[in-house]
Amino acid sequence: MPKIKTHRGAARRFRVTKTGKLVRRQSRLNHELEKKTPARKRRLGREVQVTDADRRSVRRMLGL
């Protein structure tokens, strides 16, 4: 059985923490930043965990 190749787009967007959690960047922080409050921009700058519904497919794309 051959090895599963990593989906390169997913490898750039997701990472695995030391404890095995999958994290991702949040959207809506690329443009039209003047109308967003500083608190909202700070909050969007943090990484968040991948949802339960997406976890299986992301793990498969990363070859885990």
C-alpha atoms as a PDB file:
ATOM      1  CA  MET A   1       0.000   0.000   0.000  1.00  0.00           C
ATOM      2  CA  PRO A   2       1.549   3.358  -1.020  1.00  0.00           C
ATOM      3  CA  LYS A   3       1.920   6.270   1.364  1.00  0.00           C
ATOM      4  CA  ILE A   4      -0.807   8.918   1.310  1.00  0.00           C
ATOM      5  CA  LYS A   5       0.409  12.224  -0.098  1.00  0.00           C
ATOM      6  CA  THR A   6      -0.195  15.377   1.924  1.00  0.00           C
ATOM      7  CA  HIS A   7      -2.618  17.895   0.387  1.00  0.00           C
ATOM      8  CA  ARG A   8      -0.283  20.866   0.064  1.00  0.00           C
ATOM      9  CA  GLY A   9      -3.036  23.491   0.313  1.00  0.00           C
ATOM     10  CA  ALA A  10      -4.240  21.960   3.579  1.00  0.00           C
ATOM     11  CA  ALA A  11      -0.677  21.753   4.897  1.00  0.00           C
ATOM     12  CA  ARG A  12      -0.377  25.534   4.526  1.00  0.00           C
ATOM     13  CA  ARG A  13      -3.707  26.258   6.212  1.00  0.00           C
ATOM     14  CA  PHE A  14      -3.756  23.864   9.160  1.00  0.00           C
ATOM     15  CA  ARG A  15      -1.262  22.763  11.771  1.00  0.00           C
ATOM     16  CA  VAL A  16      -1.201  20.174  14.523  1.00  0.00           C
ATOM     17  CA  THR A  17      -0.322  21.223  18.063  1.00  0.00           C
ATOM     18  CA  LYS A  18       1.863  19.160  20.390  1.00  0.00           C
ATOM     19  CA  THR A  19      -1.253  17.756  22.035  1.00  0.00           C
ATOM     20  CA  GLY A  20      -2.682  16.700  18.649  1.00  0.00           C
ATOM     21  CA  LYS A  21      -5.289  19.428  18.167  1.00  0.00           C
ATOM     22  CA  LEU A  22      -5.871  20.887  14.686  1.00  0.00           C
ATOM     23  CA  VAL A  23      -5.787  24.675  14.486  1.00  0.00           C
ATOM     24  CA  ARG A  24      -6.443  27.158  11.689  1.00  0.00           C
ATOM     25  CA  ARG A  25      -6.439  30.902  11.056  1.00  0.00           C
ATOM     26  CA  GLN A  26      -9.699  32.804  11.048  1.00  0.00           C
ATOM     27  CA  SER A  27     -11.116  34.489   7.986  1.00  0.00           C
ATOM     28  CA  ARG A  28     -12.090  38.149   7.405  1.00  0.00           C
ATOM     29  CA  LEU A  29      -8.778  39.736   8.360  1.00  0.00           C
ATOM     30  CA  ASN A  30      -7.399  40.528   4.905  1.00  0.00           C
ATOM     31  CA  HIS A  31      -9.181  43.656   3.706  1.00  0.00           C
ATOM     32  CA  GLU A  32     -11.685  46.358   4.729  1.00  0.00           C
ATOM     33  CA  LEU A  33      -9.951  46.599   8.096  1.00  0.00           C
ATOM     34  CA  GLU A  34     -10.830  50.257   8.693  1.00  0.00           C
ATOM     35  CA  LYS A  35     -14.464  49.487   9.479  1.00  0.00           C
ATOM     36  CA  LYS A  36     -13.601  46.685  11.919  1.00  0.00           C
ATOM     37  CA  THR A  37     -13.008  47.539  15.551  1.00  0.00           C
ATOM     38  CA  PRO A  38      -9.577  46.933  17.087  1.00  0.00           C
ATOM     39  CA  ALA A  39     -11.068  44.348  19.457  1.00  0.00           C
ATOM     40  CA  ARG A  40     -12.569  42.451  16.539  1.00  0.00           C
ATOM     41  CA  LYS A  41      -9.272  42.496  14.643  1.00  0.00           C
ATOM     42  CA  ARG A  42      -7.401  41.203  17.701  1.00  0.00           C
ATOM     43  CA  ARG A  43      -9.934  38.423  18.136  1.00  0.00           C
ATOM     44  CA  LEU A  44      -9.711  37.432  14.457  1.00  0.00           C
ATOM     45  CA  GLY A  45      -5.915  37.308  14.679  1.00  0.00           C
ATOM     46  CA  ARG A  46      -5.982  34.318  17.015  1.00  0.00           C
ATOM     47  CA  GLU A  47      -5.922  30.737  15.835  1.00  0.00           C
ATOM     48  CA  VAL A  48      -8.955  28.550  16.525  1.00  0.00           C
ATOM     49  CA  GLN A  49      -9.532  24.816  16.582  1.00  0.00           C
ATOM     50  CA  VAL A  50     -10.981  23.023  13.571  1.00  0.00           C
ATOM     51  CA  THR A  51     -14.621  22.084  14.165  1.00  0.00           C
ATOM     52  CA  ASP A  52     -15.669  18.506  14.909  1.00  0.00           C
ATOM     53  CA  ALA A  53     -17.444  18.233  11.548  1.00  0.00           C
ATOM     54  CA  ASP A  54     -14.262  19.100   9.596  1.00  0.00           C
ATOM     55  CA  ARG A  55     -11.674  17.342  11.756  1.00  0.00           C
ATOM     56  CA  ARG A  56     -11.834  13.975   9.969  1.00  0.00           C
ATOM     57  CA  SER A  57     -11.421  15.415   6.476  1.00  0.00           C
ATOM     58  CA  VAL A  58      -8.584  17.730   7.538  1.00  0.00           C
ATOM     59  CA  ARG A  59      -6.713  14.866   9.195  1.00  0.00           C
ATOM     60  CA  ARG A  60      -7.097  12.827   6.015  1.00  0.00           C
ATOM     61  CA  MET A  61      -5.763  15.691   3.849  1.00  0.00           C
ATOM     62  CA  LEU A  62      -2.762  16.078   6.149  1.00  0.00           C
ATOM     63  CA  GLY A  63      -2.021  12.368   5.924  1.00  0.00           C
ATOM     64  CA  LEU A  64      -2.504  11.690   9.641  1.00  0.00           C
END
